[in-house]
Structure formats: structure tokens, C-alpha cells
Amino acid sequence: LVFHEQCFAIEGHFAGADALRLAALLECANDPSCEAVWFVRGGYGANR
């Protein structure tokens, strides 16, 4: 299990600004060494 450092970022309600959350998701998704991407939790913000 590899927790991206972005999981612990805080900007208001969100786990970092939109750009940071997007970059982390893309980094995980486009990493050929990972077989799965697991969202750490819900709340609100993924739609953005």
C-alpha cells in the first residue's frame, strides 16, 4: 500500500486544491508500477 502524500494535505474542506488532487490522481493512475488506485475517503470534491 502506497499512501500518496497528498492524502494528508488540507486546504479548507479539501485534500489540497483542485490542481493538487488532480495531479495526485493522475500520478497514481498513470504509474505503471501500480495495479490499482484506491480512494482514501469520500466527502466532497471529486466532481471538480
All heavy atoms as atom14 arrays in JSON, in Angstrom:
{
  "sequence": "LVFHEQCFAIEGHFAGADALRLAALLECANDPSCEAVWFVRGGYGANR",
  "atom14_mask": [
    [1, 1, 1, 1, 1, 1, 1, 1, 0, 0, 0, 0, 0, 0],
    [1, 1, 1, 1, 1, 1, 1, 0, 0, 0, 0, 0, 0, 0],
    [1, 1, 1, 1, 1, 1, 1, 1, 1, 1, 1, 0, 0, 0],
    [1, 1, 1, 1, 1, 1, 1, 1, 1, 1, 0, 0, 0, 0],
    [1, 1, 1, 1, 1, 1, 1, 1, 1, 0, 0, 0, 0, 0],
    [1, 1, 1, 1, 1, 1, 1, 1, 1, 0, 0, 0, 0, 0],
    [1, 1, 1, 1, 1, 1, 0, 0, 0, 0, 0, 0, 0, 0],
    [1, 1, 1, 1, 1, 1, 1, 1, 1, 1, 1, 0, 0, 0],
    [1, 1, 1, 1, 1, 0, 0, 0, 0, 0, 0, 0, 0, 0],
    [1, 1, 1, 1, 1, 1, 1, 1, 0, 0, 0, 0, 0, 0],
    [1, 1, 1, 1, 1, 1, 1, 1, 1, 0, 0, 0, 0, 0],
    [1, 1, 1, 1, 0, 0, 0, 0, 0, 0, 0, 0, 0, 0],
    [1, 1, 1, 1, 1, 1, 1, 1, 1, 1, 0, 0, 0, 0],
    [1, 1, 1, 1, 1, 1, 1, 1, 1, 1, 1, 0, 0, 0],
    [1, 1, 1, 1, 1, 0, 0, 0, 0, 0, 0, 0, 0, 0],
    [1, 1, 1, 1, 0, 0, 0, 0, 0, 0, 0, 0, 0, 0],
    [1, 1, 1, 1, 1, 0, 0, 0, 0, 0, 0, 0, 0, 0],
    [1, 1, 1, 1, 1, 1, 1, 1, 0, 0, 0, 0, 0, 0],
    [1, 1, 1, 1, 1, 0, 0, 0, 0, 0, 0, 0, 0, 0],
    [1, 1, 1, 1, 1, 1, 1, 1, 0, 0, 0, 0, 0, 0],
    [1, 1, 1, 1, 1, 1, 1, 1, 1, 1, 1, 0, 0, 0],
    [1, 1, 1, 1, 1, 1, 1, 1, 0, 0, 0, 0, 0, 0],
    [1, 1, 1, 1, 1, 0, 0, 0, 0, 0, 0, 0, 0, 0],
    [1, 1, 1, 1, 1, 0, 0, 0, 0, 0, 0, 0, 0, 0],
    [1, 1, 1, 1, 1, 1, 1, 1, 0, 0, 0, 0, 0, 0],
    [1, 1, 1, 1, 1, 1, 1, 1, 0, 0, 0, 0, 0, 0],
    [1, 1, 1, 1, 1, 1, 1, 1, 1, 0, 0, 0, 0, 0],
    [1, 1, 1, 1, 1, 1, 0, 0, 0, 0, 0, 0, 0, 0],
    [1, 1, 1, 1, 1, 0, 0, 0, 0, 0, 0, 0, 0, 0],
    [1, 1, 1, 1, 1, 1, 1, 1, 0, 0, 0, 0, 0, 0],
    [1, 1, 1, 1, 1, 1, 1, 1, 0, 0, 0, 0, 0, 0],
    [1, 1, 1, 1, 1, 1, 1, 0, 0, 0, 0, 0, 0, 0],
    [1, 1, 1, 1, 1, 1, 0, 0, 0, 0, 0, 0, 0, 0],
    [1, 1, 1, 1, 1, 1, 0, 0, 0, 0, 0, 0, 0, 0],
    [1, 1, 1, 1, 1, 1, 1, 1, 1, 0, 0, 0, 0, 0],
    [1, 1, 1, 1, 1, 0, 0, 0, 0, 0, 0, 0, 0, 0],
    [1, 1, 1, 1, 1, 1, 1, 0, 0, 0, 0, 0, 0, 0],
    [1, 1, 1, 1, 1, 1, 1, 1, 1, 1, 1, 1, 1, 1],
    [1, 1, 1, 1, 1, 1, 1, 1, 1, 1, 1, 0, 0, 0],
    [1, 1, 1, 1, 1, 1, 1, 0, 0, 0, 0, 0, 0, 0],
    [1, 1, 1, 1, 1, 1, 1, 1, 1, 1, 1, 0, 0, 0],
    [1, 1, 1, 1, 0, 0, 0, 0, 0, 0, 0, 0, 0, 0],
    [1, 1, 1, 1, 0, 0, 0, 0, 0, 0, 0, 0, 0, 0],
    [1, 1, 1, 1, 1, 1, 1, 1, 1, 1, 1, 1, 0, 0],
    [1, 1, 1, 1, 0, 0, 0, 0, 0, 0, 0, 0, 0, 0],
    [1, 1, 1, 1, 1, 0, 0, 0, 0, 0, 0, 0, 0, 0],
    [1, 1, 1, 1, 1, 1, 1, 1, 0, 0, 0, 0, 0, 0],
    [1, 1, 1, 1, 1, 1, 1, 1, 1, 1, 1, 0, 0, 0]
  ],
  "atom14_positions": [
    [[0.84, -1.19, 0.0], [0.0, 0.0, 0.0], [0.88, 1.24, 0.0], [1.78, 1.38, 0.84], [-0.91, 0.03, 1.22], [-1.87, -1.15, 1.42], [-2.85, -0.83, 2.56], [-2.61, -1.5, 0.15], [0.0, 0.0, 0.0], [0.0, 0.0, 0.0], [0.0, 0.0, 0.0], [0.0, 0.0, 0.0], [0.0, 0.0, 0.0], [0.0, 0.0, 0.0]],
    [[0.61, 2.15, -0.93], [1.4, 3.37, -1.06], [0.46, 4.56, -0.91], [-0.28, 4.92, -1.83], [2.13, 3.43, -2.42], [2.99, 4.69, -2.49], [2.96, 2.18, -2.64], [0.0, 0.0, 0.0], [0.0, 0.0, 0.0], [0.0, 0.0, 0.0], [0.0, 0.0, 0.0], [0.0, 0.0, 0.0], [0.0, 0.0, 0.0], [0.0, 0.0, 0.0]],
    [[0.47, 5.18, 0.29], [-0.34, 6.37, 0.52], [0.38, 7.58, -0.08], [1.49, 7.92, 0.33], [-0.55, 6.59, 2.01], [-1.59, 5.71, 2.63], [-1.26, 4.46, 3.12], [-2.91, 6.13, 2.72], [-2.22, 3.64, 3.7], [-3.88, 5.33, 3.3], [-3.54, 4.07, 3.79], [0.0, 0.0, 0.0], [0.0, 0.0, 0.0], [0.0, 0.0, 0.0]],
    [[-0.25, 8.21, -1.06], [0.31, 9.42, -1.64], [0.32, 10.52, -0.59], [-0.64, 10.65, 0.2], [-0.53, 9.85, -2.85], [0.13, 10.83, -3.75], [0.35, 12.15, -3.38], [0.63, 10.71, -5.01], [0.94, 12.79, -4.37], [1.14, 11.94, -5.37], [0.0, 0.0, 0.0], [0.0, 0.0, 0.0], [0.0, 0.0, 0.0], [0.0, 0.0, 0.0]],
    [[1.35, 11.3, -0.55], [1.45, 12.38, 0.43], [0.27, 13.34, 0.35], [-0.13, 13.96, 1.35], [2.77, 13.14, 0.23], [3.07, 14.18, 1.28], [3.28, 13.59, 2.68], [3.6, 12.38, 2.77], [3.1, 14.34, 3.66], [0.0, 0.0, 0.0], [0.0, 0.0, 0.0], [0.0, 0.0, 0.0], [0.0, 0.0, 0.0], [0.0, 0.0, 0.0]],
    [[-0.34, 13.43, -0.81], [-1.49, 14.32, -1.0], [-2.67, 13.92, -0.11], [-3.52, 14.76, 0.2], [-1.9, 14.32, -2.48], [-3.15, 15.09, -2.81], [-4.39, 14.2, -2.81], [-4.32, 13.01, -3.1], [-5.53, 14.79, -2.5], [0.0, 0.0, 0.0], [0.0, 0.0, 0.0], [0.0, 0.0, 0.0], [0.0, 0.0, 0.0], [0.0, 0.0, 0.0]],
    [[-2.74, 12.66, 0.32], [-3.83, 12.22, 1.2], [-3.93, 13.07, 2.46], [-5.0, 13.17, 3.06], [-3.64, 10.76, 1.61], [-3.88, 9.55, 0.29], [0.0, 0.0, 0.0], [0.0, 0.0, 0.0], [0.0, 0.0, 0.0], [0.0, 0.0, 0.0], [0.0, 0.0, 0.0], [0.0, 0.0, 0.0], [0.0, 0.0, 0.0], [0.0, 0.0, 0.0]],
    [[-2.81, 13.65, 2.88], [-2.75, 14.36, 4.15], [-2.73, 15.88, 3.99], [-2.61, 16.62, 4.95], [-1.5, 13.9, 4.92], [-1.32, 12.4, 4.89], [-0.24, 11.83, 4.23], [-2.26, 11.57, 5.47], [-0.09, 10.45, 4.18], [-2.12, 10.18, 5.42], [-1.03, 9.63, 4.77], [0.0, 0.0, 0.0], [0.0, 0.0, 0.0], [0.0, 0.0, 0.0]],
    [[-2.89, 16.35, 2.75], [-2.93, 17.79, 2.5], [-4.29, 18.34, 2.91], [-5.31, 17.65, 2.8], [-2.66, 18.07, 1.03], [0.0, 0.0, 0.0], [0.0, 0.0, 0.0], [0.0, 0.0, 0.0], [0.0, 0.0, 0.0], [0.0, 0.0, 0.0], [0.0, 0.0, 0.0], [0.0, 0.0, 0.0], [0.0, 0.0, 0.0], [0.0, 0.0, 0.0]],
    [[-4.3, 19.57, 3.36], [-5.56, 20.21, 3.77], [-5.61, 21.62, 3.19], [-4.69, 22.42, 3.41], [-5.69, 20.28, 5.3], [-5.68, 18.88, 5.92], [-6.97, 21.02, 5.69], [-5.65, 18.88, 7.44], [0.0, 0.0, 0.0], [0.0, 0.0, 0.0], [0.0, 0.0, 0.0], [0.0, 0.0, 0.0], [0.0, 0.0, 0.0], [0.0, 0.0, 0.0]],
    [[-6.67, 21.9, 2.46], [-6.95, 23.27, 2.01], [-8.44, 23.48, 2.13], [-9.22, 23.05, 1.28], [-6.48, 23.5, 0.58], [-6.74, 24.93, 0.14], [-5.9, 25.35, -1.04], [-4.74, 24.91, -1.14], [-6.41, 26.13, -1.86], [0.0, 0.0, 0.0], [0.0, 0.0, 0.0], [0.0, 0.0, 0.0], [0.0, 0.0, 0.0], [0.0, 0.0, 0.0]],
    [[-8.85, 24.12, 3.23], [-10.27, 24.24, 3.52], [-10.87, 22.85, 3.7], [-10.34, 22.0, 4.43], [0.0, 0.0, 0.0], [0.0, 0.0, 0.0], [0.0, 0.0, 0.0], [0.0, 0.0, 0.0], [0.0, 0.0, 0.0], [0.0, 0.0, 0.0], [0.0, 0.0, 0.0], [0.0, 0.0, 0.0], [0.0, 0.0, 0.0], [0.0, 0.0, 0.0]],
    [[-11.96, 22.61, 3.01], [-12.64, 21.32, 3.09], [-11.86, 20.2, 2.4], [-12.01, 19.03, 2.75], [-14.02, 21.47, 2.41], [-14.76, 20.2, 2.21], [-15.56, 19.64, 3.18], [-14.83, 19.35, 1.14], [-16.1, 18.51, 2.72], [-15.67, 18.32, 1.48], [0.0, 0.0, 0.0], [0.0, 0.0, 0.0], [0.0, 0.0, 0.0], [0.0, 0.0, 0.0]],
    [[-11.01, 20.54, 1.45], [-10.45, 19.57, 0.51], [-9.08, 19.04, 0.92], [-8.37, 19.64, 1.72], [-10.35, 20.2, -0.88], [-11.64, 20.78, -1.38], [-11.83, 22.15, -1.45], [-12.67, 19.94, -1.78], [-13.03, 22.68, -1.91], [-13.87, 20.46, -2.24], [-14.05, 21.84, -2.31], [0.0, 0.0, 0.0], [0.0, 0.0, 0.0], [0.0, 0.0, 0.0]],
    [[-8.72, 17.92, 0.3], [-7.38, 17.35, 0.47], [-6.43, 18.04, -0.5], [-5.88, 17.43, -1.42], [-7.42, 15.85, 0.23], [0.0, 0.0, 0.0], [0.0, 0.0, 0.0], [0.0, 0.0, 0.0], [0.0, 0.0, 0.0], [0.0, 0.0, 0.0], [0.0, 0.0, 0.0], [0.0, 0.0, 0.0], [0.0, 0.0, 0.0], [0.0, 0.0, 0.0]],
    [[-6.27, 19.33, -0.31], [-5.48, 20.14, -1.22], [-6.36, 20.79, -2.27], [-7.53, 20.42, -2.46], [0.0, 0.0, 0.0], [0.0, 0.0, 0.0], [0.0, 0.0, 0.0], [0.0, 0.0, 0.0], [0.0, 0.0, 0.0], [0.0, 0.0, 0.0], [0.0, 0.0, 0.0], [0.0, 0.0, 0.0], [0.0, 0.0, 0.0], [0.0, 0.0, 0.0]],
    [[-5.79, 21.75, -2.97], [-6.51, 22.44, -4.05], [-6.83, 21.48, -5.18], [-6.26, 20.38, -5.28], [-5.65, 23.6, -4.57], [0.0, 0.0, 0.0], [0.0, 0.0, 0.0], [0.0, 0.0, 0.0], [0.0, 0.0, 0.0], [0.0, 0.0, 0.0], [0.0, 0.0, 0.0], [0.0, 0.0, 0.0], [0.0, 0.0, 0.0], [0.0, 0.0, 0.0]],
    [[-7.75, 21.89, -6.04], [-8.15, 21.03, -7.17], [-6.94, 20.54, -7.96], [-6.85, 19.37, -8.33], [-9.08, 21.8, -8.11], [-10.45, 22.07, -7.52], [-10.73, 21.59, -6.4], [-11.25, 22.75, -8.19], [0.0, 0.0, 0.0], [0.0, 0.0, 0.0], [0.0, 0.0, 0.0], [0.0, 0.0, 0.0], [0.0, 0.0, 0.0], [0.0, 0.0, 0.0]],
    [[-6.01, 21.45, -8.23], [-4.84, 21.08, -9.04], [-4.01, 20.01, -8.36], [-3.48, 19.1, -9.04], [-4.0, 22.32, -9.32], [0.0, 0.0, 0.0], [0.0, 0.0, 0.0], [0.0, 0.0, 0.0], [0.0, 0.0, 0.0], [0.0, 0.0, 0.0], [0.0, 0.0, 0.0], [0.0, 0.0, 0.0], [0.0, 0.0, 0.0], [0.0, 0.0, 0.0]],
    [[-3.87, 20.08, -7.05], [-3.08, 19.08, -6.33], [-3.79, 17.73, -6.32], [-3.15, 16.68, -6.55], [-2.84, 19.55, -4.89], [-2.04, 18.58, -4.01], [-0.62, 18.41, -4.55], [-2.02, 19.06, -2.56], [0.0, 0.0, 0.0], [0.0, 0.0, 0.0], [0.0, 0.0, 0.0], [0.0, 0.0, 0.0], [0.0, 0.0, 0.0], [0.0, 0.0, 0.0]],
    [[-5.1, 17.74, -6.09], [-5.85, 16.48, -6.07], [-5.84, 15.83, -7.45], [-5.7, 14.61, -7.57], [-7.29, 16.71, -5.58], [-7.36, 17.29, -4.19], [-8.71, 17.18, -3.52], [-9.84, 17.44, -4.38], [-10.28, 18.64, -4.74], [-9.65, 19.74, -4.31], [-11.34, 18.78, -5.5], [0.0, 0.0, 0.0], [0.0, 0.0, 0.0], [0.0, 0.0, 0.0]],
    [[-5.99, 16.64, -8.49], [-5.94, 16.12, -9.85], [-4.58, 15.53, -10.16], [-4.47, 14.43, -10.71], [-6.27, 17.24, -10.84], [-6.13, 16.91, -12.33], [-7.09, 15.79, -12.73], [-6.37, 18.16, -13.17], [0.0, 0.0, 0.0], [0.0, 0.0, 0.0], [0.0, 0.0, 0.0], [0.0, 0.0, 0.0], [0.0, 0.0, 0.0], [0.0, 0.0, 0.0]],
    [[-3.52, 16.24, -9.79], [-2.17, 15.76, -10.08], [-1.89, 14.44, -9.38], [-1.28, 13.53, -9.97], [-1.14, 16.82, -9.67], [0.0, 0.0, 0.0], [0.0, 0.0, 0.0], [0.0, 0.0, 0.0], [0.0, 0.0, 0.0], [0.0, 0.0, 0.0], [0.0, 0.0, 0.0], [0.0, 0.0, 0.0], [0.0, 0.0, 0.0], [0.0, 0.0, 0.0]],
    [[-2.34, 14.31, -8.13], [-2.1, 13.07, -7.39], [-2.87, 11.91, -8.01], [-2.33, 10.79, -8.14], [-2.5, 13.26, -5.94], [0.0, 0.0, 0.0], [0.0, 0.0, 0.0], [0.0, 0.0, 0.0], [0.0, 0.0, 0.0], [0.0, 0.0, 0.0], [0.0, 0.0, 0.0], [0.0, 0.0, 0.0], [0.0, 0.0, 0.0], [0.0, 0.0, 0.0]],
    [[-4.13, 12.14, -8.39], [-4.91, 11.09, -9.01], [-4.28, 10.64, -10.32], [-4.17, 9.43, -10.6], [-6.35, 11.58, -9.23], [-7.31, 10.64, -9.97], [-7.38, 9.27, -9.3], [-8.7, 11.27, -10.06], [0.0, 0.0, 0.0], [0.0, 0.0, 0.0], [0.0, 0.0, 0.0], [0.0, 0.0, 0.0], [0.0, 0.0, 0.0], [0.0, 0.0, 0.0]],
    [[-3.83, 11.59, -11.12], [-3.19, 11.23, -12.39], [-1.87, 10.52, -12.18], [-1.53, 9.57, -12.9], [-2.99, 12.49, -13.23], [-4.25, 13.09, -13.84], [-3.95, 14.45, -14.46], [-4.86, 12.15, -14.88], [0.0, 0.0, 0.0], [0.0, 0.0, 0.0], [0.0, 0.0, 0.0], [0.0, 0.0, 0.0], [0.0, 0.0, 0.0], [0.0, 0.0, 0.0]],
    [[-1.11, 10.94, -11.18], [0.16, 10.28, -10.89], [-0.07, 8.82, -10.53], [0.64, 7.93, -11.01], [0.87, 11.0, -9.75], [2.23, 10.44, -9.41], [2.9, 11.18, -8.28], [2.57, 12.37, -8.05], [3.75, 10.57, -7.6], [0.0, 0.0, 0.0], [0.0, 0.0, 0.0], [0.0, 0.0, 0.0], [0.0, 0.0, 0.0], [0.0, 0.0, 0.0]],
    [[-1.07, 8.58, -9.7], [-1.38, 7.19, -9.3], [-1.91, 6.39, -10.49], [-1.5, 5.25, -10.72], [-2.4, 7.19, -8.18], [-1.8, 7.87, -6.61], [0.0, 0.0, 0.0], [0.0, 0.0, 0.0], [0.0, 0.0, 0.0], [0.0, 0.0, 0.0], [0.0, 0.0, 0.0], [0.0, 0.0, 0.0], [0.0, 0.0, 0.0], [0.0, 0.0, 0.0]],
    [[-2.82, 6.98, -11.25], [-3.45, 6.27, -12.37], [-2.45, 5.94, -13.46], [-2.51, 4.87, -14.08], [-4.59, 7.1, -12.94], [0.0, 0.0, 0.0], [0.0, 0.0, 0.0], [0.0, 0.0, 0.0], [0.0, 0.0, 0.0], [0.0, 0.0, 0.0], [0.0, 0.0, 0.0], [0.0, 0.0, 0.0], [0.0, 0.0, 0.0], [0.0, 0.0, 0.0]],
    [[-1.53, 6.85, -13.72], [-0.59, 6.68, -14.84], [0.73, 6.03, -14.43], [1.65, 5.93, -15.25], [-0.32, 8.04, -15.49], [-1.55, 8.59, -16.2], [-2.36, 7.83, -16.73], [-1.7, 9.91, -16.22], [0.0, 0.0, 0.0], [0.0, 0.0, 0.0], [0.0, 0.0, 0.0], [0.0, 0.0, 0.0], [0.0, 0.0, 0.0], [0.0, 0.0, 0.0]],
    [[0.81, 5.55, -13.2], [2.01, 4.86, -12.72], [1.93, 3.39, -13.12], [1.1, 2.65, -12.61], [2.09, 5.0, -11.2], [3.35, 4.35, -10.63], [4.07, 3.64, -11.37], [3.61, 4.55, -9.43], [0.0, 0.0, 0.0], [0.0, 0.0, 0.0], [0.0, 0.0, 0.0], [0.0, 0.0, 0.0], [0.0, 0.0, 0.0], [0.0, 0.0, 0.0]],
    [[2.78, 2.94, -14.03], [2.7, 1.54, -14.48], [3.07, 0.53, -13.41], [2.78, -0.67, -13.56], [3.69, 1.48, -15.65], [4.62, 2.62, -15.43], [3.83, 3.69, -14.75], [0.0, 0.0, 0.0], [0.0, 0.0, 0.0], [0.0, 0.0, 0.0], [0.0, 0.0, 0.0], [0.0, 0.0, 0.0], [0.0, 0.0, 0.0], [0.0, 0.0, 0.0]],
    [[3.69, 0.96, -12.31], [4.06, 0.03, -11.26], [2.91, -0.29, -10.32], [3.01, -1.18, -9.48], [5.24, 0.58, -10.45], [4.84, 1.66, -9.62], [0.0, 0.0, 0.0], [0.0, 0.0, 0.0], [0.0, 0.0, 0.0], [0.0, 0.0, 0.0], [0.0, 0.0, 0.0], [0.0, 0.0, 0.0], [0.0, 0.0, 0.0], [0.0, 0.0, 0.0]],
    [[1.8, 0.45, -10.42], [0.64, 0.23, -9.55], [-0.45, -0.54, -10.3], [-0.74, -0.24, -11.46], [0.08, 1.56, -9.07], [1.22, 2.5, -8.04], [0.0, 0.0, 0.0], [0.0, 0.0, 0.0], [0.0, 0.0, 0.0], [0.0, 0.0, 0.0], [0.0, 0.0, 0.0], [0.0, 0.0, 0.0], [0.0, 0.0, 0.0], [0.0, 0.0, 0.0]],
    [[-1.05, -1.48, -9.62], [-2.11, -2.29, -10.23], [-3.5, -1.78, -9.91], [-4.47, -2.19, -10.54], [-1.97, -3.74, -9.78], [-0.67, -4.4, -10.22], [-0.58, -5.85, -9.79], [-1.63, -6.45, -9.47], [0.55, -6.38, -9.75], [0.0, 0.0, 0.0], [0.0, 0.0, 0.0], [0.0, 0.0, 0.0], [0.0, 0.0, 0.0], [0.0, 0.0, 0.0]],
    [[-3.6, -0.91, -8.91], [-4.91, -0.4, -8.51], [-4.74, 0.98, -7.89], [-3.69, 1.31, -7.34], [-5.58, -1.34, -7.51], [0.0, 0.0, 0.0], [0.0, 0.0, 0.0], [0.0, 0.0, 0.0], [0.0, 0.0, 0.0], [0.0, 0.0, 0.0], [0.0, 0.0, 0.0], [0.0, 0.0, 0.0], [0.0, 0.0, 0.0], [0.0, 0.0, 0.0]],
    [[-5.81, 1.78, -7.98], [-5.88, 3.07, -7.32], [-7.05, 3.02, -6.35], [-8.18, 2.71, -6.74], [-6.08, 4.23, -8.32], [-6.21, 5.56, -7.59], [-4.92, 4.28, -9.31], [0.0, 0.0, 0.0], [0.0, 0.0, 0.0], [0.0, 0.0, 0.0], [0.0, 0.0, 0.0], [0.0, 0.0, 0.0], [0.0, 0.0, 0.0], [0.0, 0.0, 0.0]],
    [[-6.77, 3.31, -5.09], [-7.77, 3.22, -4.03], [-8.01, 4.62, -3.49], [-7.07, 5.3, -3.08], [-7.24, 2.31, -2.93], [-8.24, 1.72, -1.99], [-9.59, 1.78, -2.07], [-7.93, 0.93, -0.83], [-10.17, 1.07, -1.04], [-9.16, 0.56, -0.26], [-6.74, 0.53, -0.23], [-9.24, -0.22, 0.9], [-6.81, -0.24, 0.92], [-8.04, -0.62, 1.49]],
    [[-9.26, 5.1, -3.54], [-9.59, 6.41, -3.0], [-9.64, 6.3, -1.48], [-10.31, 5.42, -0.94], [-10.92, 6.91, -3.54], [-11.02, 6.88, -5.04], [-12.23, 6.62, -5.67], [-9.9, 7.09, -5.83], [-12.33, 6.58, -7.05], [-9.98, 7.06, -7.22], [-11.21, 6.79, -7.83], [0.0, 0.0, 0.0], [0.0, 0.0, 0.0], [0.0, 0.0, 0.0]],
    [[-8.99, 7.22, -0.79], [-8.82, 7.08, 0.65], [-10.13, 7.33, 1.41], [-10.38, 6.7, 2.43], [-7.68, 7.97, 1.16], [-8.1, 9.43, 1.27], [-7.12, 7.47, 2.47], [0.0, 0.0, 0.0], [0.0, 0.0, 0.0], [0.0, 0.0, 0.0], [0.0, 0.0, 0.0], [0.0, 0.0, 0.0], [0.0, 0.0, 0.0], [0.0, 0.0, 0.0]],
    [[-10.95, 8.25, 0.9], [-12.24, 8.55, 1.54], [-13.08, 9.41, 0.61], [-12.62, 9.85, -0.44], [-12.06, 9.24, 2.89], [-11.36, 10.57, 2.83], [-11.37, 11.27, 4.18], [-12.74, 11.5, 4.66], [-13.03, 12.29, 5.68], [-12.07, 12.93, 6.34], [-14.28, 12.47, 6.06], [0.0, 0.0, 0.0], [0.0, 0.0, 0.0], [0.0, 0.0, 0.0]],
    [[-14.33, 9.64, 1.0], [-15.23, 10.49, 0.22], [-15.28, 11.89, 0.79], [-14.26, 12.49, 1.09], [0.0, 0.0, 0.0], [0.0, 0.0, 0.0], [0.0, 0.0, 0.0], [0.0, 0.0, 0.0], [0.0, 0.0, 0.0], [0.0, 0.0, 0.0], [0.0, 0.0, 0.0], [0.0, 0.0, 0.0], [0.0, 0.0, 0.0], [0.0, 0.0, 0.0]],
    [[-16.49, 12.4, 0.96], [-16.69, 13.76, 1.45], [-17.32, 14.6, 0.37], [-18.51, 14.49, 0.09], [0.0, 0.0, 0.0], [0.0, 0.0, 0.0], [0.0, 0.0, 0.0], [0.0, 0.0, 0.0], [0.0, 0.0, 0.0], [0.0, 0.0, 0.0], [0.0, 0.0, 0.0], [0.0, 0.0, 0.0], [0.0, 0.0, 0.0], [0.0, 0.0, 0.0]],
    [[-16.53, 15.45, -0.25], [-16.98, 16.22, -1.4], [-15.75, 16.77, -2.11], [-14.78, 17.19, -1.46], [-17.89, 17.4, -1.02], [-18.16, 18.31, -2.19], [-19.0, 17.9, -3.23], [-17.52, 19.54, -2.31], [-19.21, 18.7, -4.35], [-17.72, 20.34, -3.42], [-18.57, 19.92, -4.43], [-18.75, 20.71, -5.53], [0.0, 0.0, 0.0], [0.0, 0.0, 0.0]],
    [[-15.79, 16.8, -3.44], [-14.73, 17.43, -4.21], [-14.3, 16.69, -5.45], [-13.71, 17.27, -6.36], [0.0, 0.0, 0.0], [0.0, 0.0, 0.0], [0.0, 0.0, 0.0], [0.0, 0.0, 0.0], [0.0, 0.0, 0.0], [0.0, 0.0, 0.0], [0.0, 0.0, 0.0], [0.0, 0.0, 0.0], [0.0, 0.0, 0.0], [0.0, 0.0, 0.0]],
    [[-14.6, 15.37, -5.52], [-14.13, 14.59, -6.67], [-14.76, 15.06, -7.97], [-14.14, 14.95, -9.03], [-14.42, 13.1, -6.44], [0.0, 0.0, 0.0], [0.0, 0.0, 0.0], [0.0, 0.0, 0.0], [0.0, 0.0, 0.0], [0.0, 0.0, 0.0], [0.0, 0.0, 0.0], [0.0, 0.0, 0.0], [0.0, 0.0, 0.0], [0.0, 0.0, 0.0]],
    [[-15.97, 15.58, -7.91], [-16.64, 16.06, -9.13], [-15.88, 17.2, -9.8], [-15.97, 17.41, -11.01], [-18.06, 16.52, -8.81], [-18.1, 17.65, -7.81], [-17.52, 17.54, -6.73], [-18.76, 18.74, -8.13], [0.0, 0.0, 0.0], [0.0, 0.0, 0.0], [0.0, 0.0, 0.0], [0.0, 0.0, 0.0], [0.0, 0.0, 0.0], [0.0, 0.0, 0.0]],
    [[-15.09, 17.94, -9.02], [-14.37, 19.1, -9.55], [-13.18, 18.71, -10.43], [-12.69, 19.53, -11.2], [-13.9, 19.98, -8.39], [-15.04, 20.56, -7.57], [-14.55, 21.13, -6.24], [-13.68, 22.28, -6.43], [-14.03, 23.55, -6.22], [-15.26, 23.84, -5.81], [-13.17, 24.53, -6.4], [0.0, 0.0, 0.0], [0.0, 0.0, 0.0], [0.0, 0.0, 0.0]]
  ]
}
